[in-house]
Amino acid sequence: MMWRLVLVLALVACASRGQAQVVAPTLVQFSSSDQATMIPVGTNNAGQPTLTSYQALLLKASDDAVSGPVVQMGSVVPKASVSASGVPLSPFQLSLTQLGLTIPTCTTLPCQQYSVVLTAIGPNGTSLRGVGSESPSFTAAAPLAGTAPAAPGNLLVK
């Protein structure tokens, strides 16, 4: 099964690397060769859909996609919840809300980098975690700078 994940979001240019940084994504877009396939005759669960649902895992981007600790395990989402993305190489999409994922708030700079690993679930098991089903790294929106108080005015010295 071939996967390709893309996160849709606001892009902020990273001046130091000349690359775009994904900030506060809301969607996972992906391809799935098994979205509409059936289990062939002569195999376990023949005639049933190969794929019935998806589940997303939130990981720190620095951790291994296969064995890294899971920061958040999303909800199991039926494949019927998948919508069209309009992106040719990643024709399907689910929102992070549908997947039950909430990106932890960034409270200090630099913000923690995360990635999403999407797994496919069917009657014959769950797809393996791997870099092929891992998104590019992203972060929550950086904290806004606080507003300093207004400067005192009309000062007199006597």
Protein backbone atom coordinates (compact mmCIF):
# COMPACT_ATOMS: atom_id res chain seq x y z
CA MET A 1 0.00 0.00 0.00
CA MET A 2 1.50 3.34 -1.00
CA TRP A 3 0.81 6.43 1.10
CA ARG A 4 1.56 10.04 0.60
CA LEU A 5 0.62 12.57 3.26
CA VAL A 6 0.44 16.31 2.83
CA LEU A 7 -0.58 18.77 5.50
CA VAL A 8 -2.65 21.76 4.50
CA LEU A 9 -2.06 24.86 6.50
CA ALA A 10 -0.70 28.32 6.73
CA LEU A 11 2.84 28.54 5.38
CA VAL A 12 5.52 30.71 6.88
CA ALA A 13 8.84 31.12 5.11
CA CYS A 14 11.85 29.96 7.09
CA ALA A 15 14.48 32.53 6.21
CA SER A 16 17.37 30.44 7.49
CA ARG A 17 16.64 27.46 5.24
CA GLY A 18 14.70 29.07 2.42
CA GLN A 19 11.97 26.44 2.93
CA ALA A 20 8.33 26.76 3.87
CA GLN A 21 7.40 25.73 7.42
CA VAL A 22 4.02 24.18 8.03
CA VAL A 23 2.20 25.97 10.85
CA ALA A 24 -1.08 24.94 12.50
CA PRO A 25 -2.29 22.40 9.90
CA THR A 26 -5.98 21.49 9.75
CA LEU A 27 -6.09 18.70 7.13
CA VAL A 28 -4.24 15.53 6.21
CA GLN A 29 -4.29 14.82 2.47
CA PHE A 30 -3.18 11.43 1.21
CA SER A 31 -3.40 8.74 -1.45
CA SER A 32 -4.54 5.19 -0.79
CA SER A 33 -4.39 2.36 -3.29
CA ASP A 34 -6.90 0.38 -1.18
CA GLN A 35 -9.61 3.03 -0.76
CA ALA A 36 -11.97 1.12 -3.09
CA THR A 37 -10.48 -2.40 -3.32
CA MET A 38 -12.10 -5.63 -2.14
CA ILE A 39 -10.39 -8.65 -0.60
CA PRO A 40 -10.01 -11.26 -3.38
CA VAL A 41 -11.76 -14.64 -3.41
CA GLY A 42 -9.70 -17.39 -1.84
CA THR A 43 -8.26 -15.20 0.92
CA ASN A 44 -9.33 -14.45 4.47
CA ASN A 45 -12.44 -12.19 4.60
CA ALA A 46 -12.97 -12.49 0.82
CA GLY A 47 -15.46 -10.05 -0.67
CA GLN A 48 -15.08 -7.47 2.12
CA PRO A 49 -13.43 -4.07 1.62
CA THR A 50 -9.66 -4.24 2.09
CA LEU A 51 -9.79 -0.97 4.01
CA THR A 52 -12.50 0.04 6.47
CA SER A 53 -11.02 2.93 8.45
CA TYR A 54 -8.03 5.14 9.23
CA GLN A 55 -6.28 6.15 12.42
CA ALA A 56 -3.73 8.93 12.86
CA LEU A 57 -0.87 9.11 15.33
CA LEU A 58 0.83 12.35 16.37
CA LEU A 59 4.58 12.01 16.91
CA LYS A 60 7.42 14.41 17.63
CA ALA A 61 9.07 14.95 14.25
CA SER A 62 12.46 13.99 15.70
CA ASP A 63 11.16 10.52 16.67
CA ASP A 64 11.16 7.49 14.40
CA ALA A 65 7.94 7.02 12.40
CA VAL A 66 8.03 3.24 12.95
CA SER A 67 8.90 2.92 16.62
CA GLY A 68 8.79 6.42 18.13
CA PRO A 69 6.54 7.13 21.10
CA VAL A 70 3.05 8.35 20.27
CA VAL A 71 2.21 11.84 21.58
CA GLN A 72 -1.49 11.42 20.69
CA MET A 73 -3.47 8.53 19.24
CA GLY A 74 -6.37 9.73 17.12
CA SER A 75 -9.84 8.27 16.73
CA VAL A 76 -10.60 5.43 14.33
CA VAL A 77 -12.36 7.12 11.40
CA PRO A 78 -14.47 5.13 8.90
CA LYS A 79 -13.27 5.40 5.31
CA ALA A 80 -16.71 6.79 4.40
CA SER A 81 -15.66 9.99 6.23
CA VAL A 82 -12.88 10.62 3.71
CA SER A 83 -13.53 13.47 1.29
CA ALA A 84 -11.96 14.47 -2.02
CA SER A 85 -9.06 16.93 -1.72
CA GLY A 86 -8.79 18.12 -5.31
CA VAL A 87 -5.04 17.41 -5.19
CA PRO A 88 -4.08 14.88 -7.92
CA LEU A 89 -1.25 13.10 -6.04
CA SER A 90 -3.10 13.16 -2.70
CA PRO A 91 -6.76 12.80 -3.69
CA PHE A 92 -8.22 12.06 -0.23
CA GLN A 93 -8.42 14.15 2.92
CA LEU A 94 -9.49 14.06 6.55
CA SER A 95 -9.42 16.94 9.01
CA LEU A 96 -7.35 16.72 12.16
CA THR A 97 -10.64 17.24 14.03
CA GLN A 98 -12.16 14.16 12.33
CA LEU A 99 -9.02 12.23 13.23
CA GLY A 100 -9.31 13.33 16.86
CA LEU A 101 -5.93 15.09 16.93
CA THR A 102 -5.15 18.37 18.65
CA ILE A 103 -1.74 19.91 18.08
CA PRO A 104 -0.24 20.83 21.46
CA THR A 105 -0.04 24.58 21.98
CA CYS A 106 3.32 26.21 21.45
CA THR A 107 4.18 28.23 24.55
CA THR A 108 7.89 28.84 24.02
CA LEU A 109 10.13 29.36 21.00
CA PRO A 110 11.27 27.41 19.12
CA CYS A 111 8.01 25.46 18.90
CA GLN A 112 8.04 21.65 19.03
CA GLN A 113 7.95 20.00 15.58
CA TYR A 114 5.43 17.19 15.02
CA SER A 115 4.43 14.76 12.28
CA VAL A 116 1.34 12.63 11.64
CA VAL A 117 1.51 8.95 10.76
CA LEU A 118 -1.68 7.67 9.14
CA THR A 119 -2.53 3.97 9.36
CA ALA A 120 -5.15 2.04 7.40
CA ILE A 121 -7.32 -0.53 9.16
CA GLY A 122 -9.14 -3.44 7.52
CA PRO A 123 -10.53 -6.87 8.37
CA ASN A 124 -7.09 -8.44 7.86
CA GLY A 125 -5.17 -6.03 10.09
CA THR A 126 -3.63 -2.58 10.33
CA SER A 127 -0.99 -1.14 7.99
CA LEU A 128 2.49 -0.74 9.38
CA ARG A 129 3.78 2.59 10.64
CA GLY A 130 6.49 3.96 8.38
CA VAL A 131 8.05 6.97 6.68
CA GLY A 132 5.84 6.38 3.63
CA SER A 133 2.78 7.15 5.72
CA GLU A 134 4.34 10.03 7.67
CA SER A 135 3.61 13.70 7.00
CA PRO A 136 6.19 16.44 6.65
CA SER A 137 6.97 18.11 9.97
CA PHE A 138 4.83 20.96 11.26
CA THR A 139 4.27 23.01 14.40
CA ALA A 140 1.52 24.79 16.26
CA ALA A 141 1.30 28.53 15.71
CA ALA A 142 3.95 30.42 17.67
CA PRO A 143 2.76 32.31 20.71
CA LEU A 144 1.83 35.90 20.05
CA ALA A 145 3.99 38.53 21.62
CA GLY A 146 2.25 40.24 24.50
CA THR A 147 1.42 43.91 24.28
CA ALA A 148 3.60 46.11 26.43
CA PRO A 149 1.81 48.62 28.60
CA ALA A 150 1.37 52.14 27.29
CA ALA A 151 4.12 54.51 28.30
CA PRO A 152 3.20 56.95 31.06
CA GLY A 153 2.50 60.45 29.82
CA ASN A 154 2.20 64.00 31.10
CA LEU A 155 5.07 63.59 33.52
CA LEU A 156 5.92 66.49 35.78
CA VAL A 157 8.90 66.87 38.02
CA LYS A 158 8.60 69.27 40.95
